[in-house]
Amino acid sequence: QNIMAVAKHFPGIGRTTLDSHLDMPELSVTKNDL
């Protein structure tokens, strides 16, 4: 229907518990993990 979709949040934030609205989360995962 000509509505551009935007997939988010690359490369994935499902593993994080800190909200980036507040501060920067860090995630220690390898490329293979991703």
Full PDB file with SEQRES, HELIX, SHEET, SSBOND, CRYST1, ORIGX, SCALE, CONECT and MASTER records, all heavy atoms in Angstrom:
SEQRES   1 A   34  GLN ASN ILE MET ALA VAL ALA LYS HIS PHE PRO GLY ILE          
SEQRES   2 A   34  GLY ARG THR THR LEU ASP SER HIS LEU ASP MET PRO GLU          
SEQRES   3 A   34  LEU SER VAL THR LYS ASN ASP LEU                              
CRYST1    1.000    1.000    1.000  90.00  90.00  90.00 P 1           1          
ORIGX1      1.000000  0.000000  0.000000        0.00000                         
ORIGX2      0.000000  1.000000  0.000000        0.00000                         
ORIGX3      0.000000  0.000000  1.000000        0.00000                         
SCALE1      1.000000  0.000000  0.000000        0.00000                         
SCALE2      0.000000  1.000000  0.000000        0.00000                         
SCALE3      0.000000  0.000000  1.000000        0.00000                         
ATOM      1  N   GLN A   1       0.821  -1.213   0.000  1.00  0.00           N  
ATOM      2  CA  GLN A   1       0.000   0.000   0.000  1.00  0.00           C  
ATOM      3  C   GLN A   1       0.862   1.274   0.000  1.00  0.00           C  
ATOM      4  O   GLN A   1       0.404   2.357   0.365  1.00  0.00           O  
ATOM      5  CB  GLN A   1      -0.940   0.001   1.206  1.00  0.00           C  
ATOM      6  CG  GLN A   1      -1.948  -1.147   1.192  1.00  0.00           C  
ATOM      7  CD  GLN A   1      -3.012  -0.999   2.259  1.00  0.00           C  
ATOM      8  OE1 GLN A   1      -3.715   0.015   2.338  1.00  0.00           O  
ATOM      9  NE2 GLN A   1      -3.154  -2.006   3.102  1.00  0.00           N  
ATOM     10  N   ASN A   2       2.120   1.130  -0.451  1.00  0.00           N  
ATOM     11  CA  ASN A   2       3.048   2.253  -0.555  1.00  0.00           C  
ATOM     12  C   ASN A   2       3.356   2.918   0.773  1.00  0.00           C  
ATOM     13  O   ASN A   2       3.663   4.118   0.830  1.00  0.00           O  
ATOM     14  CB  ASN A   2       2.553   3.301  -1.563  1.00  0.00           C  
ATOM     15  CG  ASN A   2       2.739   2.846  -3.002  1.00  0.00           C  
ATOM     16  OD1 ASN A   2       3.711   2.153  -3.313  1.00  0.00           O  
ATOM     17  ND2 ASN A   2       1.822   3.214  -3.863  1.00  0.00           N  
ATOM     18  N   ILE A   3       3.284   2.161   1.853  1.00  0.00           N  
ATOM     19  CA  ILE A   3       3.759   2.621   3.151  1.00  0.00           C  
ATOM     20  C   ILE A   3       5.111   1.961   3.392  1.00  0.00           C  
ATOM     21  O   ILE A   3       5.195   0.734   3.506  1.00  0.00           O  
ATOM     22  CB  ILE A   3       2.789   2.259   4.292  1.00  0.00           C  
ATOM     23  CG1 ILE A   3       1.386   2.813   4.009  1.00  0.00           C  
ATOM     24  CG2 ILE A   3       3.330   2.770   5.626  1.00  0.00           C  
ATOM     25  CD1 ILE A   3       1.294   4.312   3.944  1.00  0.00           C  
ATOM     26  N   MET A   4       6.165   2.759   3.447  1.00  0.00           N  
ATOM     27  CA  MET A   4       7.488   2.194   3.682  1.00  0.00           C  
ATOM     28  C   MET A   4       7.571   1.607   5.085  1.00  0.00           C  
ATOM     29  O   MET A   4       7.240   2.279   6.067  1.00  0.00           O  
ATOM     30  CB  MET A   4       8.555   3.282   3.513  1.00  0.00           C  
ATOM     31  CG  MET A   4       8.800   3.673   2.073  1.00  0.00           C  
ATOM     32  SD  MET A   4       9.783   5.191   1.897  1.00  0.00           S  
ATOM     33  CE  MET A   4       8.487   6.417   2.121  1.00  0.00           C  
ATOM     34  N   ALA A   5       7.990   0.370   5.174  1.00  0.00           N  
ATOM     35  CA  ALA A   5       8.215  -0.273   6.465  1.00  0.00           C  
ATOM     36  C   ALA A   5       9.669  -0.078   6.865  1.00  0.00           C  
ATOM     37  O   ALA A   5      10.570  -0.067   6.015  1.00  0.00           O  
ATOM     38  CB  ALA A   5       7.879  -1.758   6.381  1.00  0.00           C  
ATOM     39  N   VAL A   6       9.900   0.078   8.170  1.00  0.00           N  
ATOM     40  CA  VAL A   6      11.254   0.239   8.703  1.00  0.00           C  
ATOM     41  C   VAL A   6      11.461  -0.825   9.775  1.00  0.00           C  
ATOM     42  O   VAL A   6      10.832  -0.775  10.840  1.00  0.00           O  
ATOM     43  CB  VAL A   6      11.467   1.647   9.292  1.00  0.00           C  
ATOM     44  CG1 VAL A   6      12.863   1.760   9.903  1.00  0.00           C  
ATOM     45  CG2 VAL A   6      11.265   2.711   8.216  1.00  0.00           C  
ATOM     46  N   ALA A   7      12.303  -1.796   9.488  1.00  0.00           N  
ATOM     47  CA  ALA A   7      12.590  -2.871  10.445  1.00  0.00           C  
ATOM     48  C   ALA A   7      13.585  -2.360  11.486  1.00  0.00           C  
ATOM     49  O   ALA A   7      14.580  -1.718  11.147  1.00  0.00           O  
ATOM     50  CB  ALA A   7      13.144  -4.089   9.707  1.00  0.00           C  
ATOM     51  N   LYS A   8      13.328  -2.663  12.740  1.00  0.00           N  
ATOM     52  CA  LYS A   8      14.191  -2.152  13.813  1.00  0.00           C  
ATOM     53  C   LYS A   8      14.316  -3.199  14.921  1.00  0.00           C  
ATOM     54  O   LYS A   8      13.500  -4.122  14.987  1.00  0.00           O  
ATOM     55  CB  LYS A   8      13.624  -0.838  14.362  1.00  0.00           C  
ATOM     56  CG  LYS A   8      12.191  -0.934  14.924  1.00  0.00           C  
ATOM     57  CD  LYS A   8      11.671   0.455  15.270  1.00  0.00           C  
ATOM     58  CE  LYS A   8      10.316   0.349  15.961  1.00  0.00           C  
ATOM     59  NZ  LYS A   8       9.708   1.663  16.225  1.00  0.00           N  
ATOM     60  N   HIS A   9      15.393  -3.128  15.736  1.00  0.00           N  
ATOM     61  CA  HIS A   9      16.452  -2.133  15.824  1.00  0.00           C  
ATOM     62  C   HIS A   9      17.759  -2.870  15.544  1.00  0.00           C  
ATOM     63  O   HIS A   9      18.258  -3.576  16.428  1.00  0.00           O  
ATOM     64  CB  HIS A   9      16.510  -1.514  17.201  1.00  0.00           C  
ATOM     65  CG  HIS A   9      15.214  -0.925  17.683  1.00  0.00           C  
ATOM     66  ND1 HIS A   9      14.181  -1.682  18.196  1.00  0.00           N  
ATOM     67  CD2 HIS A   9      14.792   0.360  17.725  1.00  0.00           C  
ATOM     68  CE1 HIS A   9      13.185  -0.890  18.557  1.00  0.00           C  
ATOM     69  NE2 HIS A   9      13.513   0.359  18.276  1.00  0.00           N  
ATOM     70  N   PHE A  10      18.294  -2.746  14.344  1.00  0.00           N  
ATOM     71  CA  PHE A  10      19.451  -3.503  13.885  1.00  0.00           C  
ATOM     72  C   PHE A  10      20.681  -3.183  14.739  1.00  0.00           C  
ATOM     73  O   PHE A  10      20.934  -2.020  15.052  1.00  0.00           O  
ATOM     74  CB  PHE A  10      19.736  -3.162  12.417  1.00  0.00           C  
ATOM     75  CG  PHE A  10      20.796  -4.009  11.788  1.00  0.00           C  
ATOM     76  CD1 PHE A  10      20.464  -5.203  11.176  1.00  0.00           C  
ATOM     77  CD2 PHE A  10      22.121  -3.616  11.808  1.00  0.00           C  
ATOM     78  CE1 PHE A  10      21.441  -5.996  10.601  1.00  0.00           C  
ATOM     79  CE2 PHE A  10      23.103  -4.401  11.246  1.00  0.00           C  
ATOM     80  CZ  PHE A  10      22.765  -5.591  10.636  1.00  0.00           C  
ATOM     81  N   PRO A  11      21.504  -4.203  15.056  1.00  0.00           N  
ATOM     82  CA  PRO A  11      21.379  -5.634  14.733  1.00  0.00           C  
ATOM     83  C   PRO A  11      20.612  -6.448  15.770  1.00  0.00           C  
ATOM     84  O   PRO A  11      20.742  -7.672  15.800  1.00  0.00           O  
ATOM     85  CB  PRO A  11      22.843  -6.075  14.670  1.00  0.00           C  
ATOM     86  CG  PRO A  11      23.541  -5.214  15.662  1.00  0.00           C  
ATOM     87  CD  PRO A  11      22.859  -3.876  15.593  1.00  0.00           C  
ATOM     88  N   GLY A  12      19.796  -5.798  16.598  1.00  0.00           N  
ATOM     89  CA  GLY A  12      18.957  -6.505  17.559  1.00  0.00           C  
ATOM     90  C   GLY A  12      19.181  -6.017  18.977  1.00  0.00           C  
ATOM     91  O   GLY A  12      20.315  -5.978  19.447  1.00  0.00           O  
ATOM     92  N   ILE A  13      18.076  -5.638  19.648  1.00  0.00           N  
ATOM     93  CA  ILE A  13      18.212  -5.166  21.038  1.00  0.00           C  
ATOM     94  C   ILE A  13      17.400  -6.020  22.015  1.00  0.00           C  
ATOM     95  O   ILE A  13      17.213  -5.640  23.168  1.00  0.00           O  
ATOM     96  CB  ILE A  13      17.812  -3.679  21.181  1.00  0.00           C  
ATOM     97  CG1 ILE A  13      16.333  -3.460  20.825  1.00  0.00           C  
ATOM     98  CG2 ILE A  13      18.694  -2.800  20.335  1.00  0.00           C  
ATOM     99  CD1 ILE A  13      15.873  -2.035  21.083  1.00  0.00           C  
ATOM    100  N   GLY A  14      16.950  -7.179  21.560  1.00  0.00           N  
ATOM    101  CA  GLY A  14      16.146  -8.023  22.428  1.00  0.00           C  
ATOM    102  C   GLY A  14      16.875  -8.534  23.651  1.00  0.00           C  
ATOM    103  O   GLY A  14      16.255  -8.893  24.653  1.00  0.00           O  
ATOM    104  N   ARG A  15      18.210  -8.556  23.606  1.00  0.00           N  
ATOM    105  CA  ARG A  15      19.001  -9.065  24.734  1.00  0.00           C  
ATOM    106  C   ARG A  15      19.274  -8.004  25.797  1.00  0.00           C  
ATOM    107  O   ARG A  15      19.879  -8.306  26.824  1.00  0.00           O  
ATOM    108  CB  ARG A  15      20.348  -9.585  24.227  1.00  0.00           C  
ATOM    109  CG  ARG A  15      20.285 -10.703  23.193  1.00  0.00           C  
ATOM    110  CD  ARG A  15      21.687 -10.930  22.634  1.00  0.00           C  
ATOM    111  NE  ARG A  15      21.712 -11.862  21.526  1.00  0.00           N  
ATOM    112  CZ  ARG A  15      22.062 -13.150  21.613  1.00  0.00           C  
ATOM    113  NH1 ARG A  15      22.379 -13.639  22.787  1.00  0.00           N  
ATOM    114  NH2 ARG A  15      22.087 -13.923  20.542  1.00  0.00           N  
ATOM    115  N   THR A  16      18.867  -6.749  25.557  1.00  0.00           N  
ATOM    116  CA  THR A  16      19.242  -5.664  26.460  1.00  0.00           C  
ATOM    117  C   THR A  16      18.171  -5.381  27.507  1.00  0.00           C  
ATOM    118  O   THR A  16      16.976  -5.588  27.274  1.00  0.00           O  
ATOM    119  CB  THR A  16      19.532  -4.370  25.678  1.00  0.00           C  
ATOM    120  OG1 THR A  16      18.362  -3.997  24.937  1.00  0.00           O  
ATOM    121  CG2 THR A  16      20.676  -4.571  24.718  1.00  0.00           C  
ATOM    122  N   THR A  17      18.622  -4.855  28.641  1.00  0.00           N  
ATOM    123  CA  THR A  17      17.709  -4.541  29.755  1.00  0.00           C  
ATOM    124  C   THR A  17      17.719  -3.061  30.113  1.00  0.00           C  
ATOM    125  O   THR A  17      16.857  -2.603  30.850  1.00  0.00           O  
ATOM    126  CB  THR A  17      18.078  -5.356  31.007  1.00  0.00           C  
ATOM    127  OG1 THR A  17      19.436  -5.084  31.361  1.00  0.00           O  
ATOM    128  CG2 THR A  17      17.925  -6.852  30.742  1.00  0.00           C  
ATOM    129  N   LEU A  18      18.705  -2.317  29.619  1.00  0.00           N  
ATOM    130  CA  LEU A  18      18.762  -0.874  29.856  1.00  0.00           C  
ATOM    131  C   LEU A  18      18.114  -0.150  28.695  1.00  0.00           C  
ATOM    132  O   LEU A  18      18.396  -0.438  27.526  1.00  0.00           O  
ATOM    133  CB  LEU A  18      20.223  -0.411  30.003  1.00  0.00           C  
ATOM    134  CG  LEU A  18      20.460   1.100  30.102  1.00  0.00           C  
ATOM    135  CD1 LEU A  18      19.810   1.687  31.353  1.00  0.00           C  
ATOM    136  CD2 LEU A  18      21.967   1.408  30.080  1.00  0.00           C  
ATOM    137  N   ASP A  19      17.239   0.807  28.974  1.00  0.00           N  
ATOM    138  CA  ASP A  19      16.535   1.571  27.949  1.00  0.00           C  
ATOM    139  C   ASP A  19      17.458   2.642  27.380  1.00  0.00           C  
ATOM    140  O   ASP A  19      17.955   3.505  28.110  1.00  0.00           O  
ATOM    141  CB  ASP A  19      15.295   2.221  28.582  1.00  0.00           C  
ATOM    142  CG  ASP A  19      14.389   2.876  27.560  1.00  0.00           C  
ATOM    143  OD1 ASP A  19      14.829   3.107  26.407  1.00  0.00           O  
ATOM    144  OD2 ASP A  19      13.231   3.191  27.911  1.00  0.00           O  
ATOM    145  N   SER A  20      17.682   2.610  26.071  1.00  0.00           N  
ATOM    146  CA  SER A  20      18.585   3.582  25.452  1.00  0.00           C  
ATOM    147  C   SER A  20      18.020   4.992  25.417  1.00  0.00           C  
ATOM    148  O   SER A  20      18.747   5.938  25.085  1.00  0.00           O  
ATOM    149  CB  SER A  20      18.968   3.126  24.031  1.00  0.00           C  
ATOM    150  OG  SER A  20      17.818   2.874  23.259  1.00  0.00           O  
ATOM    151  N   HIS A  21      16.743   5.162  25.763  1.00  0.00           N  
ATOM    152  CA  HIS A  21      16.227   6.521  25.963  1.00  0.00           C  
ATOM    153  C   HIS A  21      16.952   7.186  27.132  1.00  0.00           C  
ATOM    154  O   HIS A  21      17.085   8.408  27.182  1.00  0.00           O  
ATOM    155  CB  HIS A  21      14.719   6.504  26.251  1.00  0.00           C  
ATOM    156  CG  HIS A  21      13.887   6.197  25.050  1.00  0.00           C  
ATOM    157  ND1 HIS A  21      13.629   4.912  24.647  1.00  0.00           N  
ATOM    158  CD2 HIS A  21      13.261   7.014  24.169  1.00  0.00           C  
ATOM    159  CE1 HIS A  21      12.869   4.943  23.563  1.00  0.00           C  
ATOM    160  NE2 HIS A  21      12.642   6.213  23.240  1.00  0.00           N  
ATOM    161  N   LEU A  22      17.418   6.374  28.072  1.00  0.00           N  
ATOM    162  CA  LEU A  22      18.055   6.887  29.286  1.00  0.00           C  
ATOM    163  C   LEU A  22      19.567   6.954  29.157  1.00  0.00           C  
ATOM    164  O   LEU A  22      20.193   7.952  29.521  1.00  0.00           O  
ATOM    165  CB  LEU A  22      17.668   6.018  30.477  1.00  0.00           C  
ATOM    166  CG  LEU A  22      16.165   5.839  30.720  1.00  0.00           C  
ATOM    167  CD1 LEU A  22      15.924   4.870  31.861  1.00  0.00           C  
ATOM    168  CD2 LEU A  22      15.491   7.181  30.979  1.00  0.00           C  
ATOM    169  N   ASP A  23      20.176   5.891  28.664  1.00  0.00           N  
ATOM    170  CA  ASP A  23      21.625   5.859  28.503  1.00  0.00           C  
ATOM    171  C   ASP A  23      21.985   4.722  27.547  1.00  0.00           C  
ATOM    172  O   ASP A  23      21.100   3.985  27.084  1.00  0.00           O  
ATOM    173  CB  ASP A  23      22.331   5.689  29.845  1.00  0.00           C  
ATOM    174  CG  ASP A  23      23.692   6.378  29.873  1.00  0.00           C  
ATOM    175  OD1 ASP A  23      24.302   6.542  28.796  1.00  0.00           O  
ATOM    176  OD2 ASP A  23      24.145   6.747  30.962  1.00  0.00           O  
ATOM    177  N   MET A  24      23.268   4.578  27.268  1.00  0.00           N  
ATOM    178  CA  MET A  24      23.696   3.623  26.258  1.00  0.00           C  
ATOM    179  C   MET A  24      23.916   2.233  26.843  1.00  0.00           C  
ATOM    180  O   MET A  24      24.827   2.027  27.644  1.00  0.00           O  
ATOM    181  CB  MET A  24      24.986   4.094  25.592  1.00  0.00           C  
ATOM    182  CG  MET A  24      25.371   3.212  24.392  1.00  0.00           C  
ATOM    183  SD  MET A  24      27.031   3.575  23.814  1.00  0.00           S  
ATOM    184  CE  MET A  24      26.837   5.298  23.369  1.00  0.00           C  
ATOM    185  N   PRO A  25      23.131   1.257  26.420  1.00  0.00           N  
ATOM    186  CA  PRO A  25      23.386  -0.122  26.831  1.00  0.00           C  
ATOM    187  C   PRO A  25      24.608  -0.678  26.106  1.00  0.00           C  
ATOM    188  O   PRO A  25      24.940  -0.251  25.001  1.00  0.00           O  
ATOM    189  CB  PRO A  25      22.117  -0.868  26.388  1.00  0.00           C  
ATOM    190  CG  PRO A  25      21.112   0.197  26.078  1.00  0.00           C  
ATOM    191  CD  PRO A  25      21.900   1.378  25.641  1.00  0.00           C  
ATOM    192  N   GLU A  26      25.260  -1.626  26.733  1.00  0.00           N  
ATOM    193  CA  GLU A  26      26.343  -2.357  26.093  1.00  0.00           C  
ATOM    194  C   GLU A  26      25.989  -3.832  26.055  1.00  0.00           C  
ATOM    195  O   GLU A  26      25.340  -4.346  26.974  1.00  0.00           O  
ATOM    196  CB  GLU A  26      27.660  -2.149  26.840  1.00  0.00           C  
ATOM    197  CG  GLU A  26      28.201  -0.744  26.728  1.00  0.00           C  
ATOM    198  CD  GLU A  26      29.620  -0.619  27.268  1.00  0.00           C  
ATOM    199  OE1 GLU A  26      30.060  -1.552  27.999  1.00  0.00           O  
ATOM    200  OE2 GLU A  26      30.273   0.390  26.963  1.00  0.00           O  
ATOM    201  N   LEU A  27      26.393  -4.476  24.984  1.00  0.00           N  
ATOM    202  CA  LEU A  27      26.057  -5.888  24.802  1.00  0.00           C  
ATOM    203  C   LEU A  27      27.295  -6.614  24.295  1.00  0.00           C  
ATOM    204  O   LEU A  27      27.870  -6.250  23.267  1.00  0.00           O  
ATOM    205  CB  LEU A  27      24.911  -6.016  23.796  1.00  0.00           C  
ATOM    206  CG  LEU A  27      24.242  -7.371  23.644  1.00  0.00           C  
ATOM    207  CD1 LEU A  27      23.645  -7.846  24.962  1.00  0.00           C  
ATOM    208  CD2 LEU A  27      23.139  -7.292  22.580  1.00  0.00           C  
ATOM    209  N   SER A  28      27.719  -7.625  25.029  1.00  0.00           N  
ATOM    210  CA  SER A  28      28.886  -8.399  24.648  1.00  0.00           C  
ATOM    211  C   SER A  28      28.431  -9.677  23.950  1.00  0.00           C  
ATOM    212  O   SER A  28      28.193 -10.706  24.584  1.00  0.00           O  
ATOM    213  CB  SER A  28      29.738  -8.737  25.881  1.00  0.00           C  
ATOM    214  OG  SER A  28      30.855  -9.525  25.516  1.00  0.00           O  
ATOM    215  N   VAL A  29      28.284  -9.568  22.640  1.00  0.00           N  
ATOM    216  CA  VAL A  29      27.924 -10.728  21.820  1.00  0.00           C  
ATOM    217  C   VAL A  29      28.784 -10.715  20.572  1.00  0.00           C  
ATOM    218  O   VAL A  29      29.094  -9.654  20.027  1.00  0.00           O  
ATOM    219  CB  VAL A  29      26.428 -10.725  21.417  1.00  0.00           C  
ATOM    220  CG1 VAL A  29      25.539 -11.009  22.611  1.00  0.00           C  
ATOM    221  CG2 VAL A  29      26.036  -9.412  20.759  1.00  0.00           C  
ATOM    222  N   THR A  30      29.146 -11.881  20.100  1.00  0.00           N  
ATOM    223  CA  THR A  30      29.961 -11.976  18.901  1.00  0.00           C  
ATOM    224  C   THR A  30      29.074 -11.886  17.663  1.00  0.00           C  
ATOM    225  O   THR A  30      27.843 -12.009  17.732  1.00  0.00           O  
ATOM    226  CB  THR A  30      30.724 -13.299  18.865  1.00  0.00           C  
ATOM    227  OG1 THR A  30      29.779 -14.368  18.732  1.00  0.00           O  
ATOM    228  CG2 THR A  30      31.559 -13.490  20.138  1.00  0.00           C  
ATOM    229  N   LYS A  31      29.728 -11.714  16.539  1.00  0.00           N  
ATOM    230  CA  LYS A  31      28.995 -11.724  15.275  1.00  0.00           C  
ATOM    231  C   LYS A  31      28.291 -13.064  15.081  1.00  0.00           C  
ATOM    232  O   LYS A  31      27.154 -13.128  14.592  1.00  0.00           O  
ATOM    233  CB  LYS A  31      29.947 -11.444  14.117  1.00  0.00           C  
ATOM    234  CG  LYS A  31      29.246 -11.366  12.773  1.00  0.00           C  
ATOM    235  CD  LYS A  31      30.243 -11.238  11.643  1.00  0.00           C  
ATOM    236  CE  LYS A  31      29.555 -11.428  10.308  1.00  0.00           C  
ATOM    237  NZ  LYS A  31      30.513 -11.583   9.193  1.00  0.00           N  
ATOM    238  N   ASN A  32      28.932 -14.155  15.472  1.00  0.00           N  
ATOM    239  CA  ASN A  32      28.301 -15.477  15.363  1.00  0.00           C  
ATOM    240  C   ASN A  32      27.061 -15.570  16.232  1.00  0.00           C  
ATOM    241  O   ASN A  32      26.058 -16.183  15.845  1.00  0.00           O  
ATOM    242  CB  ASN A  32      29.296 -16.569  15.750  1.00  0.00           C  
ATOM    243  CG  ASN A  32      30.357 -16.791  14.683  1.00  0.00           C  
ATOM    244  OD1 ASN A  32      30.165 -16.419  13.522  1.00  0.00           O  
ATOM    245  ND2 ASN A  32      31.484 -17.381  15.063  1.00  0.00           N  
ATOM    246  N   ASP A  33      27.103 -14.976  17.430  1.00  0.00           N  
ATOM    247  CA  ASP A  33      25.922 -14.947  18.303  1.00  0.00           C  
ATOM    248  C   ASP A  33      24.768 -14.231  17.596  1.00  0.00           C  
ATOM    249  O   ASP A  33      23.620 -14.706  17.623  1.00  0.00           O  
ATOM    250  CB  ASP A  33      26.233 -14.206  19.609  1.00  0.00           C  
ATOM    251  CG  ASP A  33      27.232 -14.936  20.492  1.00  0.00           C  
ATOM    252  OD1 ASP A  33      27.276 -16.183  20.430  1.00  0.00           O  
ATOM    253  OD2 ASP A  33      27.961 -14.258  21.245  1.00  0.00           O  
ATOM    254  N   LEU A  34      25.063 -13.105  17.000  1.00  0.00           N  
ATOM    255  CA  LEU A  34      24.030 -12.336  16.308  1.00  0.00           C  
ATOM    256  C   LEU A  34      23.481 -13.120  15.117  1.00  0.00           C  
ATOM    257  O   LEU A  34      22.267 -13.170  14.895  1.00  0.00           O  
ATOM    258  CB  LEU A  34      24.595 -10.995  15.834  1.00  0.00           C  
ATOM    259  CG  LEU A  34      24.961  -9.977  16.925  1.00  0.00           C  
ATOM    260  CD1 LEU A  34      25.652  -8.767  16.307  1.00  0.00           C  
ATOM    261  CD2 LEU A  34      23.726  -9.532  17.696  1.00  0.00           C  
TER     262      LEU A  34                                                      
MASTER        0    0    0    0    0    0    0    6  261    1    0    3          
END                                                                             
